[in-house]
Amino acid sequence: MTFLEKIKPHLLSDDILIQKTVLYALHEYPNVPEEWTVELLKEAFNNQVKQFDILMYLDKHKMNEEALTILIDNIPTMDQNSRHLALGLLNNIDTPLALKYKKQLEKYVPKLIWEIHEVIEHGDEEDVYSMYGEVLNKIDRSLSPEYDYYPIAKKLSACIVKKGWITEEEIDFVLAEEANEEWFSENGIMNVYMAGLLNLDKHIPLFASFLPRDDDALLEEVSSALIRLQSDQVVKEVAPYVRDSESVIYAASILANIKTESALKELKKAYHETEELDVQESIIEALSFHFSKEALPEMNAHMEYEYDFSLVEIEHVAYS
């Protein structure tokens, strides 16, 4: 039984904790069916108690046309506590769909975003790269921006990849230069994203080597790129970093979201090879989201520990 087959019966569970566990397990997973996102949105707007949690965990899901129409119909009636979460999901709409519904969305989406959609839809290579540079400068100049420009930069990056306006060699050059710097630039981070879109598995060892870095923006894209591959080669390269307290959080998340027997076995092995509680916690959480009987011995043993503070959502682990 596949990962998705295991959790499908619980997607709309009446038990809020069970549903939150499923939502959490799906949050970073790249292959969530679009129809699941539609069903979750319907549930969010039919059940006020669940709304905040559902919308919070959909921020990385693609919004197709049916999902968008649900948002358009319901955003006007939402209270302010959850409305910002629904508006954030508009970042996940492809450009042609956004332009098709521009009249309904115009009051929710800043002017700059419409300019970018127009450039993506109608601009040439020079236009797109010019806007790309402008957006990267906005990220670089603002430590606490009023608007999160990373999703916009990623839209432009995806356009560049789709149109074939960047080569593997160009990405290789940027990554080689950035790897020697203490901090990745915004352009470097977007090149990691573009390498992920192209499924360039030759970068797996390099990306894994970044895991001890203290750079969340970089590590988010590194993790997404590695998870996207769903590869046992990724498991092999990431495994050493699961045992290190400096890199375990992202490393464990990667192995949690690669749904292979190899990833499960590596997590079990790593659990027994470390005695640091904070490292074990991250490993146990990752194990729990494989939803496998094979992980029960480690999970049952870990639940015997008594401590007042936990870095992971122990309720999610238990319900898994």
Protein backbone atom coordinates (compact mmCIF):
# COMPACT_ATOMS: atom_id res chain seq x y z
CA MET A 1 0.00 0.00 0.00
CA THR A 2 1.43 3.38 -1.00
CA PHE A 3 1.79 6.39 1.29
CA LEU A 4 -1.18 8.15 -0.32
CA GLU A 5 -3.34 5.03 -0.16
CA LYS A 6 -2.64 4.73 3.57
CA ILE A 7 -3.78 8.22 4.45
CA LYS A 8 -6.56 8.79 1.93
CA PRO A 9 -9.32 7.39 4.23
CA HIS A 10 -8.30 9.90 6.92
CA LEU A 11 -8.00 13.02 4.75
CA LEU A 12 -11.32 14.44 5.99
CA SER A 13 -11.39 12.72 9.38
CA ASP A 14 -13.85 14.07 11.94
CA ASP A 15 -11.10 13.74 14.53
CA ILE A 16 -9.25 17.05 14.29
CA LEU A 17 -5.97 15.65 15.58
CA ILE A 18 -6.00 12.83 13.05
CA GLN A 19 -6.72 15.26 10.23
CA LYS A 20 -3.97 17.62 11.43
CA THR A 21 -1.57 14.68 11.40
CA VAL A 22 -2.48 13.95 7.79
CA LEU A 23 -2.22 17.62 6.81
CA TYR A 24 1.18 17.88 8.46
CA ALA A 25 2.40 14.75 6.69
CA LEU A 26 1.26 16.13 3.33
CA HIS A 27 2.67 19.62 3.84
CA GLU A 28 6.10 19.06 2.25
CA TYR A 29 5.14 16.09 0.07
CA PRO A 30 5.37 17.06 -3.63
CA ASN A 31 2.85 14.64 -5.14
CA VAL A 32 -0.42 15.56 -3.41
CA PRO A 33 -3.30 15.01 -5.87
CA GLU A 34 -4.95 18.29 -6.89
CA GLU A 35 -8.38 16.84 -6.13
CA TRP A 36 -7.32 16.33 -2.51
CA THR A 37 -6.55 20.04 -2.23
CA VAL A 38 -10.02 20.80 -3.62
CA GLU A 39 -11.66 18.49 -1.07
CA LEU A 40 -9.69 20.06 1.77
CA LEU A 41 -10.71 23.56 0.71
CA LYS A 42 -14.37 22.54 0.63
CA GLU A 43 -13.95 21.09 4.13
CA ALA A 44 -12.26 24.28 5.36
CA PHE A 45 -15.16 26.45 4.29
CA ASN A 46 -17.82 24.01 5.48
CA ASN A 47 -16.31 23.56 8.94
CA GLN A 48 -15.23 26.73 10.72
CA VAL A 49 -13.49 24.78 13.49
CA LYS A 50 -11.11 23.17 10.99
CA GLN A 51 -10.63 26.16 8.72
CA PHE A 52 -7.47 27.71 10.18
CA ASP A 53 -5.53 24.44 10.39
CA ILE A 54 -6.48 23.29 6.89
CA LEU A 55 -5.60 26.58 5.22
CA MET A 56 -2.31 26.81 7.11
CA TYR A 57 -1.12 23.47 5.74
CA LEU A 58 -2.15 24.10 2.11
CA ASP A 59 0.41 26.85 1.49
CA LYS A 60 2.58 24.59 -0.72
CA HIS A 61 -0.25 22.92 -2.64
CA LYS A 62 -1.00 23.84 -6.23
CA MET A 63 -4.33 25.60 -6.72
CA ASN A 64 -6.16 24.46 -9.87
CA GLU A 65 -9.23 26.19 -11.34
CA GLU A 66 -11.73 24.43 -9.09
CA ALA A 67 -9.68 25.31 -6.02
CA LEU A 68 -9.44 28.92 -7.16
CA THR A 69 -13.18 29.27 -7.63
CA ILE A 70 -13.72 27.95 -4.09
CA LEU A 71 -11.35 30.64 -2.78
CA ILE A 72 -13.03 33.38 -4.84
CA ASP A 73 -16.47 32.38 -3.53
CA ASN A 74 -15.43 32.25 0.10
CA ILE A 75 -12.73 34.87 0.74
CA PRO A 76 -15.23 37.79 0.91
CA THR A 77 -17.06 36.20 3.86
CA MET A 78 -13.99 35.19 5.88
CA ASP A 79 -12.92 36.76 9.16
CA GLN A 80 -9.51 38.40 9.40
CA ASN A 81 -7.97 35.58 11.48
CA SER A 82 -8.01 33.16 8.55
CA ARG A 83 -8.38 35.44 5.55
CA HIS A 84 -4.65 36.10 5.19
CA LEU A 85 -4.08 32.33 4.88
CA ALA A 86 -6.57 32.08 2.02
CA LEU A 87 -5.05 35.11 0.28
CA GLY A 88 -1.62 33.52 0.59
CA LEU A 89 -2.86 30.54 -1.42
CA LEU A 90 -3.33 32.85 -4.40
CA ASN A 91 0.48 32.70 -4.78
CA ASN A 92 0.06 29.08 -5.86
CA ILE A 93 -2.01 29.88 -8.96
CA ASP A 94 -0.41 29.60 -12.40
CA THR A 95 -0.24 32.77 -14.48
CA PRO A 96 -2.83 31.83 -17.17
CA LEU A 97 -5.37 31.01 -14.47
CA ALA A 98 -4.66 34.23 -12.55
CA LEU A 99 -5.16 36.32 -15.70
CA LYS A 100 -8.37 34.46 -16.55
CA TYR A 101 -9.83 35.45 -13.17
CA LYS A 102 -8.16 38.87 -12.92
CA LYS A 103 -11.45 40.75 -12.51
CA GLN A 104 -12.40 38.69 -9.43
CA LEU A 105 -8.88 38.71 -7.96
CA GLU A 106 -7.75 42.27 -8.70
CA LYS A 107 -8.71 43.67 -5.30
CA TYR A 108 -6.76 40.95 -3.47
CA VAL A 109 -3.53 40.93 -5.49
CA PRO A 110 -0.97 43.80 -5.49
CA LYS A 111 -0.31 45.72 -8.70
CA LEU A 112 3.26 44.40 -8.95
CA ILE A 113 1.98 40.82 -9.08
CA TRP A 114 -0.22 41.62 -12.07
CA GLU A 115 2.77 43.23 -13.79
CA ILE A 116 4.72 40.03 -13.24
CA HIS A 117 1.89 37.86 -14.54
CA GLU A 118 1.77 40.01 -17.69
CA VAL A 119 5.53 39.73 -18.18
CA ILE A 120 5.42 35.95 -17.72
CA GLU A 121 2.52 35.60 -20.15
CA HIS A 122 3.61 38.08 -22.84
CA GLY A 123 7.23 39.09 -22.21
CA ASP A 124 10.33 37.93 -24.02
CA GLU A 125 13.52 36.62 -22.41
CA GLU A 126 14.88 40.10 -21.75
CA ASP A 127 11.64 41.26 -20.14
CA VAL A 128 11.47 38.26 -17.82
CA TYR A 129 15.12 38.47 -16.75
CA SER A 130 14.76 42.21 -16.13
CA MET A 131 11.77 41.61 -13.85
CA TYR A 132 13.62 38.70 -12.21
CA GLY A 133 16.49 41.00 -11.27
CA GLU A 134 14.10 43.65 -9.97
CA VAL A 135 12.33 41.18 -7.71
CA LEU A 136 15.60 39.74 -6.37
CA ASN A 137 16.70 43.28 -5.49
CA LYS A 138 13.48 43.77 -3.53
CA ILE A 139 14.20 40.62 -1.51
CA ASP A 140 17.80 41.70 -0.90
CA ARG A 141 16.97 45.21 0.28
CA SER A 142 14.24 44.37 2.78
CA LEU A 143 14.90 42.50 6.01
CA SER A 144 11.22 42.64 6.99
CA PRO A 145 9.28 43.09 3.74
CA GLU A 146 5.66 44.08 3.62
CA TYR A 147 5.23 41.42 0.96
CA ASP A 148 6.93 38.06 0.54
CA TYR A 149 8.72 38.30 -2.80
CA TYR A 150 10.08 34.75 -2.81
CA PRO A 151 6.92 33.26 -4.40
CA ILE A 152 7.14 35.90 -7.14
CA ALA A 153 10.81 35.17 -7.76
CA LYS A 154 9.92 31.49 -8.01
CA LYS A 155 7.21 32.21 -10.59
CA LEU A 156 9.74 34.04 -12.73
CA SER A 157 12.31 31.27 -12.20
CA ALA A 158 9.76 28.65 -13.26
CA CYS A 159 9.02 30.69 -16.39
CA ILE A 160 12.76 30.86 -17.20
CA VAL A 161 13.04 27.08 -16.85
CA LYS A 162 9.86 26.35 -18.82
CA LYS A 163 10.95 28.58 -21.73
CA GLY A 164 14.43 27.00 -21.78
CA TRP A 165 16.13 30.33 -21.08
CA ILE A 166 18.67 28.80 -18.69
CA THR A 167 21.02 25.87 -19.24
CA GLU A 168 22.37 23.25 -16.88
CA GLU A 169 25.82 24.72 -17.40
CA GLU A 170 24.65 28.15 -16.27
CA ILE A 171 23.06 26.68 -13.14
CA ASP A 172 26.24 24.65 -12.48
CA PHE A 173 28.34 27.82 -12.69
CA VAL A 174 26.17 29.78 -10.26
CA LEU A 175 26.01 26.93 -7.74
CA ALA A 176 29.78 26.37 -7.88
CA GLU A 177 30.39 30.05 -7.14
CA GLU A 178 27.79 30.30 -4.39
CA ALA A 179 28.96 27.12 -2.66
CA ASN A 180 32.16 28.89 -1.67
CA GLU A 181 30.34 31.80 -0.03
CA GLU A 182 29.22 31.91 3.60
CA TRP A 183 25.69 32.90 2.55
CA PHE A 184 23.84 32.16 -0.66
CA SER A 185 22.53 35.16 -2.60
CA GLU A 186 18.89 35.33 -3.66
CA ASN A 187 19.99 34.42 -7.20
CA GLY A 188 21.86 31.40 -5.82
CA ILE A 189 18.77 30.23 -3.95
CA MET A 190 16.65 30.60 -7.09
CA ASN A 191 19.22 28.53 -9.02
CA VAL A 192 18.78 25.78 -6.42
CA TYR A 193 15.03 26.02 -7.08
CA MET A 194 15.56 25.87 -10.85
CA ALA A 195 17.86 22.86 -10.50
CA GLY A 196 15.06 21.19 -8.57
CA LEU A 197 12.54 21.96 -11.31
CA LEU A 198 14.90 20.34 -13.82
CA ASN A 199 15.38 17.30 -11.54
CA LEU A 200 19.16 17.60 -11.82
CA ASP A 201 20.19 14.63 -9.69
CA LYS A 202 23.89 15.36 -10.28
CA HIS A 203 23.55 18.06 -7.62
CA ILE A 204 22.34 15.66 -4.90
CA PRO A 205 25.75 15.41 -3.11
CA LEU A 206 26.25 19.18 -3.29
CA PHE A 207 22.78 19.97 -1.96
CA ALA A 208 23.14 17.45 0.85
CA SER A 209 26.40 19.11 1.87
CA PHE A 210 24.51 22.37 2.49
CA LEU A 211 22.35 20.83 5.24
CA PRO A 212 24.57 21.94 8.19
CA ARG A 213 24.31 25.57 7.06
CA ASP A 214 22.35 28.12 9.10
CA ASP A 215 20.37 29.54 6.17
CA ASP A 216 16.67 28.67 6.24
CA ALA A 217 15.84 30.24 2.86
CA LEU A 218 18.52 28.12 1.20
CA LEU A 219 17.64 24.96 3.12
CA GLU A 220 13.95 25.25 2.25
CA GLU A 221 14.81 25.11 -1.46
CA VAL A 222 17.47 22.43 -0.98
CA SER A 223 14.95 20.26 0.86
CA SER A 224 12.25 20.78 -1.75
CA ALA A 225 14.66 19.97 -4.58
CA LEU A 226 15.83 16.76 -2.91
CA ILE A 227 12.34 15.63 -1.88
CA ARG A 228 11.08 16.24 -5.41
CA LEU A 229 13.43 13.53 -6.71
CA GLN A 230 11.95 10.77 -4.45
CA SER A 231 15.28 8.99 -4.90
CA ASP A 232 17.26 6.48 -2.86
CA GLN A 233 20.38 8.31 -4.00
CA VAL A 234 19.07 11.26 -1.99
CA VAL A 235 18.59 8.95 1.00
CA LYS A 236 22.20 7.79 0.75
CA GLU A 237 23.62 11.32 0.61
CA VAL A 238 21.35 12.80 3.29
CA ALA A 239 21.67 9.90 5.78
CA PRO A 240 24.88 11.11 7.52
CA TYR A 241 23.27 14.47 8.27
CA VAL A 242 20.34 12.87 10.13
CA ARG A 243 22.75 11.92 12.91
CA ASP A 244 24.02 15.48 13.44
CA SER A 245 22.16 17.92 15.71
CA GLU A 246 23.15 20.84 13.44
CA SER A 247 21.52 19.35 10.35
CA VAL A 248 18.95 16.84 11.62
CA ILE A 249 15.84 19.00 11.28
CA TYR A 250 16.03 19.45 7.52
CA ALA A 251 17.71 16.09 6.91
CA ALA A 252 15.00 14.21 8.82
CA SER A 253 12.28 16.16 7.00
CA ILE A 254 13.77 15.11 3.66
CA LEU A 255 13.80 11.43 4.65
CA ALA A 256 10.29 11.77 6.07
CA ASN A 257 9.04 12.90 2.68
CA ILE A 258 10.88 10.37 0.51
CA LYS A 259 8.44 7.50 0.73
CA THR A 260 10.75 4.55 0.06
CA GLU A 261 11.80 1.53 2.08
CA SER A 262 15.35 2.81 1.97
CA ALA A 263 14.39 6.08 3.70
CA LEU A 264 12.43 4.20 6.37
CA LYS A 265 15.32 1.82 7.07
CA GLU A 266 17.84 4.65 7.25
CA LEU A 267 15.73 6.53 9.79
CA LYS A 268 15.37 3.42 11.95
CA LYS A 269 19.11 2.84 11.78
CA ALA A 270 19.91 6.47 12.62
CA TYR A 271 17.58 6.39 15.64
CA HIS A 272 19.59 3.58 17.22
CA GLU A 273 22.91 5.20 16.41
CA THR A 274 22.34 8.45 18.29
CA GLU A 275 21.71 9.16 21.96
CA GLU A 276 20.92 12.88 21.71
CA LEU A 277 17.26 13.39 22.56
CA ASP A 278 16.70 16.33 20.22
CA VAL A 279 18.15 14.32 17.32
CA GLN A 280 16.05 11.28 18.23
CA GLU A 281 12.90 13.42 18.37
CA SER A 282 13.34 14.66 14.81
CA ILE A 283 14.03 11.11 13.62
CA ILE A 284 10.95 9.74 15.40
CA GLU A 285 8.78 12.43 13.85
CA ALA A 286 10.17 11.58 10.40
CA LEU A 287 9.56 7.87 11.02
CA SER A 288 5.99 8.54 12.10
CA PHE A 289 5.11 10.13 8.77
CA HIS A 290 5.95 6.99 6.87
CA PHE A 291 2.88 5.44 8.56
CA SER A 292 4.60 2.06 8.66
CA LYS A 293 4.30 -0.81 11.13
CA GLU A 294 8.06 -1.20 10.71
CA ALA A 295 8.55 1.98 12.74
CA LEU A 296 6.45 0.87 15.72
CA PRO A 297 9.30 -0.56 17.86
CA GLU A 298 11.23 2.72 17.75
CA MET A 299 8.14 4.86 18.22
CA ASN A 300 6.82 2.83 21.15
CA ALA A 301 10.22 2.93 22.84
CA HIS A 302 10.52 6.67 22.37
CA MET A 303 7.05 7.37 23.76
CA GLU A 304 8.25 5.94 27.08
CA TYR A 305 10.52 8.94 27.64
CA GLU A 306 9.32 11.53 30.14
CA TYR A 307 10.22 15.14 29.44
CA ASP A 308 8.55 18.53 29.74
CA PHE A 309 9.55 20.08 26.43
CA SER A 310 9.62 18.68 22.92
CA LEU A 311 10.84 20.17 19.65
CA VAL A 312 8.32 18.13 17.67
CA GLU A 313 4.54 17.76 17.72
CA ILE A 314 4.30 14.69 19.95
CA GLU A 315 0.54 14.47 19.40
CA HIS A 316 1.15 14.10 15.66
CA VAL A 317 3.69 11.38 16.33
CA ALA A 318 1.31 9.48 18.60
CA TYR A 319 -1.59 9.74 16.18
CA SER A 320 0.59 8.63 13.30
